[in-house]
N, C-alpha and C. Protein backbone atom coordinates (compact mmCIF):
# COMPACT_ATOMS: atom_id res chain seq x y z
N MET A 1 0.84 -1.18 0.00
CA MET A 1 0.00 0.00 0.00
C MET A 1 0.89 1.24 0.00
N TYR A 2 0.54 2.21 -0.80
CA TYR A 2 1.30 3.45 -0.91
C TYR A 2 0.56 4.55 -0.19
N SER A 3 1.31 5.39 0.47
CA SER A 3 0.72 6.51 1.20
C SER A 3 1.72 7.65 1.24
N LEU A 4 1.21 8.86 1.23
CA LEU A 4 2.08 10.02 1.38
C LEU A 4 2.42 10.26 2.85
N LYS A 5 1.62 9.67 3.74
CA LYS A 5 1.86 9.83 5.17
C LYS A 5 2.90 8.81 5.62
N PRO A 6 3.79 9.23 6.54
CA PRO A 6 4.78 8.28 7.03
C PRO A 6 4.13 7.20 7.90
N THR A 7 4.72 6.03 7.87
CA THR A 7 4.23 4.92 8.69
C THR A 7 4.85 5.02 10.08
N PRO A 8 4.28 4.32 11.07
CA PRO A 8 4.89 4.31 12.40
C PRO A 8 6.35 3.85 12.39
N VAL A 9 6.66 2.87 11.56
CA VAL A 9 8.05 2.38 11.47
C VAL A 9 8.96 3.48 10.93
N GLU A 10 8.50 4.19 9.91
CA GLU A 10 9.31 5.28 9.35
C GLU A 10 9.53 6.40 10.37
N VAL A 11 8.49 6.74 11.10
CA VAL A 11 8.61 7.80 12.11
C VAL A 11 9.58 7.38 13.20
N SER A 12 9.48 6.15 13.68
CA SER A 12 10.38 5.70 14.74
C SER A 12 11.83 5.66 14.26
N LYS A 13 12.06 5.28 13.02
CA LYS A 13 13.42 5.27 12.48
C LYS A 13 13.96 6.70 12.32
N GLN A 14 13.09 7.62 11.91
CA GLN A 14 13.51 9.03 11.80
C GLN A 14 13.88 9.59 13.18
N LEU A 15 13.08 9.27 14.19
CA LEU A 15 13.39 9.71 15.55
C LEU A 15 14.72 9.14 16.02
N ALA A 16 14.96 7.88 15.72
CA ALA A 16 16.22 7.25 16.11
C ALA A 16 17.41 7.92 15.42
N GLU A 17 17.25 8.25 14.15
CA GLU A 17 18.33 8.93 13.42
C GLU A 17 18.60 10.31 14.01
N ARG A 18 17.52 11.02 14.36
CA ARG A 18 17.68 12.35 14.95
C ARG A 18 18.36 12.27 16.32
N LEU A 19 17.94 11.29 17.12
CA LEU A 19 18.54 11.14 18.43
C LEU A 19 20.03 10.81 18.30
N ARG A 20 20.37 9.93 17.38
CA ARG A 20 21.77 9.58 17.15
C ARG A 20 22.57 10.82 16.76
N ALA A 21 22.01 11.65 15.88
CA ALA A 21 22.70 12.87 15.45
C ALA A 21 22.90 13.83 16.62
N VAL A 22 21.89 13.98 17.46
CA VAL A 22 22.01 14.86 18.62
C VAL A 22 23.03 14.30 19.61
N ARG A 23 23.00 12.98 19.81
CA ARG A 23 23.96 12.34 20.71
C ARG A 23 25.39 12.62 20.24
N ARG A 24 25.61 12.45 18.96
CA ARG A 24 26.95 12.68 18.41
C ARG A 24 27.34 14.16 18.49
N GLN A 25 26.37 15.03 18.25
CA GLN A 25 26.63 16.47 18.34
C GLN A 25 27.05 16.85 19.76
N MET A 26 26.45 16.19 20.74
CA MET A 26 26.78 16.46 22.14
C MET A 26 28.02 15.68 22.59
N LYS A 27 28.57 14.90 21.67
CA LYS A 27 29.78 14.12 21.92
C LYS A 27 29.61 13.09 23.05
N TYR A 28 28.41 12.51 23.13
CA TYR A 28 28.15 11.40 24.05
C TYR A 28 28.40 10.09 23.32
N SER A 29 29.09 9.17 23.96
CA SER A 29 29.13 7.82 23.43
C SER A 29 27.78 7.18 23.76
N GLN A 30 27.48 6.06 23.13
CA GLN A 30 26.24 5.35 23.46
C GLN A 30 26.25 4.96 24.94
N GLU A 31 27.38 4.50 25.41
CA GLU A 31 27.49 4.06 26.81
C GLU A 31 27.22 5.22 27.77
N GLU A 32 27.82 6.37 27.48
CA GLU A 32 27.65 7.54 28.35
C GLU A 32 26.21 8.02 28.36
N MET A 33 25.61 8.09 27.18
CA MET A 33 24.23 8.57 27.11
C MET A 33 23.29 7.62 27.83
N ALA A 34 23.45 6.34 27.61
CA ALA A 34 22.58 5.36 28.27
C ALA A 34 22.73 5.46 29.79
N ASP A 35 23.95 5.56 30.26
CA ASP A 35 24.21 5.65 31.70
C ASP A 35 23.60 6.92 32.29
N ARG A 36 23.84 8.05 31.66
CA ARG A 36 23.31 9.33 32.16
C ARG A 36 21.79 9.37 32.16
N ALA A 37 21.17 8.73 31.18
CA ALA A 37 19.70 8.75 31.07
C ALA A 37 19.04 7.68 31.92
N GLY A 38 19.81 6.71 32.38
CA GLY A 38 19.21 5.62 33.15
C GLY A 38 18.50 4.61 32.26
N VAL A 39 19.04 4.44 31.06
CA VAL A 39 18.48 3.52 30.07
C VAL A 39 19.54 2.45 29.81
N SER A 40 19.12 1.24 29.57
CA SER A 40 20.12 0.21 29.29
C SER A 40 20.82 0.50 27.97
N LEU A 41 22.08 0.13 27.91
CA LEU A 41 22.85 0.31 26.68
C LEU A 41 22.20 -0.45 25.53
N GLY A 42 21.70 -1.63 25.81
CA GLY A 42 21.03 -2.42 24.77
C GLY A 42 19.82 -1.71 24.20
N SER A 43 19.06 -1.04 25.06
CA SER A 43 17.88 -0.30 24.59
C SER A 43 18.28 0.83 23.66
N LEU A 44 19.32 1.56 24.04
CA LEU A 44 19.77 2.68 23.20
C LEU A 44 20.32 2.17 21.87
N LYS A 45 21.12 1.12 21.93
CA LYS A 45 21.67 0.56 20.68
C LYS A 45 20.56 0.06 19.77
N ARG A 46 19.58 -0.65 20.34
CA ARG A 46 18.46 -1.17 19.55
C ARG A 46 17.67 -0.01 18.94
N PHE A 47 17.45 1.04 19.72
CA PHE A 47 16.71 2.19 19.20
C PHE A 47 17.44 2.82 18.02
N GLU A 48 18.71 3.06 18.18
CA GLU A 48 19.46 3.68 17.09
C GLU A 48 19.53 2.79 15.85
N ARG A 49 19.48 1.49 16.04
CA ARG A 49 19.57 0.54 14.93
C ARG A 49 18.20 0.29 14.27
N THR A 50 17.15 0.17 15.08
CA THR A 50 15.85 -0.26 14.55
C THR A 50 14.71 0.75 14.72
N GLY A 51 14.88 1.69 15.64
CA GLY A 51 13.81 2.63 15.94
C GLY A 51 12.88 2.12 17.03
N LYS A 52 13.16 0.96 17.60
CA LYS A 52 12.28 0.38 18.62
C LYS A 52 12.82 0.71 20.01
N ILE A 53 11.92 1.25 20.86
CA ILE A 53 12.28 1.63 22.23
C ILE A 53 10.99 1.78 23.03
N SER A 54 11.07 1.58 24.32
CA SER A 54 9.89 1.81 25.15
C SER A 54 9.67 3.32 25.29
N LEU A 55 8.44 3.69 25.52
CA LEU A 55 8.12 5.10 25.71
C LEU A 55 8.88 5.65 26.90
N GLU A 56 8.94 4.88 27.99
CA GLU A 56 9.65 5.34 29.19
C GLU A 56 11.12 5.63 28.89
N SER A 57 11.77 4.75 28.16
CA SER A 57 13.17 4.96 27.82
C SER A 57 13.35 6.16 26.91
N LEU A 58 12.46 6.33 25.95
CA LEU A 58 12.53 7.50 25.06
C LEU A 58 12.38 8.78 25.86
N LEU A 59 11.45 8.79 26.81
CA LEU A 59 11.24 9.99 27.63
C LEU A 59 12.47 10.27 28.49
N LYS A 60 13.11 9.25 28.99
CA LYS A 60 14.34 9.44 29.78
C LYS A 60 15.45 10.05 28.92
N LEU A 61 15.58 9.58 27.69
CA LEU A 61 16.59 10.13 26.79
C LEU A 61 16.29 11.58 26.45
N MET A 62 15.03 11.88 26.20
CA MET A 62 14.64 13.25 25.90
C MET A 62 14.89 14.16 27.11
N HIS A 63 14.64 13.65 28.30
CA HIS A 63 14.89 14.42 29.52
C HIS A 63 16.38 14.74 29.64
N LEU A 64 17.23 13.77 29.40
CA LEU A 64 18.66 13.99 29.44
C LEU A 64 19.07 15.10 28.47
N LEU A 65 18.45 15.12 27.31
CA LEU A 65 18.78 16.11 26.28
C LEU A 65 18.10 17.45 26.51
N ASP A 66 17.33 17.56 27.61
CA ASP A 66 16.57 18.77 27.93
C ASP A 66 15.60 19.12 26.79
N ARG A 67 14.97 18.07 26.24
CA ARG A 67 14.03 18.27 25.13
C ARG A 67 12.70 17.58 25.39
N LEU A 68 12.43 17.27 26.66
CA LEU A 68 11.18 16.61 27.02
C LEU A 68 9.98 17.48 26.64
N HIS A 69 10.17 18.79 26.67
CA HIS A 69 9.09 19.72 26.31
C HIS A 69 8.59 19.53 24.88
N GLU A 70 9.36 18.86 24.04
CA GLU A 70 8.94 18.65 22.66
C GLU A 70 7.74 17.72 22.56
N PHE A 71 7.41 17.05 23.66
CA PHE A 71 6.21 16.20 23.68
C PHE A 71 4.96 16.97 24.09
N ASP A 72 5.10 18.26 24.39
CA ASP A 72 3.96 19.06 24.85
C ASP A 72 2.83 19.14 23.83
N HIS A 73 3.15 18.95 22.57
CA HIS A 73 2.14 19.09 21.52
C HIS A 73 1.60 17.75 21.02
N VAL A 74 1.98 16.68 21.68
CA VAL A 74 1.52 15.36 21.28
C VAL A 74 0.17 15.07 21.93
N LEU A 75 -0.78 14.63 21.15
CA LEU A 75 -2.11 14.22 21.60
C LEU A 75 -2.92 15.32 22.27
N LEU A 76 -2.76 16.55 21.80
CA LEU A 76 -3.61 17.62 22.30
C LEU A 76 -5.03 17.43 21.80
N ILE A 77 -5.98 17.81 22.59
CA ILE A 77 -7.38 17.73 22.16
C ILE A 77 -7.64 18.88 21.20
N ARG A 78 -8.14 18.54 20.04
CA ARG A 78 -8.40 19.55 19.00
C ARG A 78 -9.78 20.14 19.19
N GLU A 79 -9.86 21.42 18.93
CA GLU A 79 -11.15 22.10 19.00
C GLU A 79 -11.99 21.69 17.79
N ASN A 80 -13.26 21.44 18.04
CA ASN A 80 -14.19 21.11 16.98
C ASN A 80 -14.79 22.42 16.47
N PRO A 81 -14.63 22.75 15.17
CA PRO A 81 -15.17 24.00 14.63
C PRO A 81 -16.67 24.15 14.88
N ALA A 82 -17.40 23.05 14.89
CA ALA A 82 -18.85 23.12 15.12
C ALA A 82 -19.13 23.62 16.54
N ASP A 83 -18.31 23.22 17.50
CA ASP A 83 -18.49 23.68 18.87
C ASP A 83 -18.22 25.17 18.99
N LEU A 84 -17.25 25.68 18.24
CA LEU A 84 -16.96 27.11 18.27
C LEU A 84 -18.10 27.91 17.65
N GLU A 85 -18.71 27.38 16.61
CA GLU A 85 -19.83 28.07 15.97
C GLU A 85 -21.01 28.20 16.93
N LYS A 86 -21.21 27.23 17.78
CA LYS A 86 -22.31 27.26 18.75
C LYS A 86 -22.16 28.42 19.71
N LEU A 87 -20.94 28.84 19.99
CA LEU A 87 -20.71 29.96 20.90
C LEU A 87 -21.24 31.27 20.34
N PHE A 88 -21.29 31.38 19.03
CA PHE A 88 -21.68 32.62 18.39
C PHE A 88 -23.08 32.59 17.78
N SER A 89 -23.80 31.52 17.98
CA SER A 89 -25.17 31.44 17.46
C SER A 89 -26.14 31.32 18.62
N LYS A 90 -27.39 31.66 18.34
CA LYS A 90 -28.43 31.60 19.38
C LYS A 90 -29.12 30.28 19.40
């Protein structure tokens, strides 16, 4: 099946690539980053290789990078335009 939208696998691999790039930019080895974040080295290596990681481990890594706030916009409740129209009608 073809889609213009990325798949969950593609998104997780993109996140892993970005995290690896940030880790290298900060000059952390995999061992150092895993230790500082409180994540197993195997989890970090698997994430960077496959994109698979537990949510808890991902959040710990983001916290170490001081980027946990980037999750603030995930799963926000969207306003329904019909509900807004009701405010202005009788």
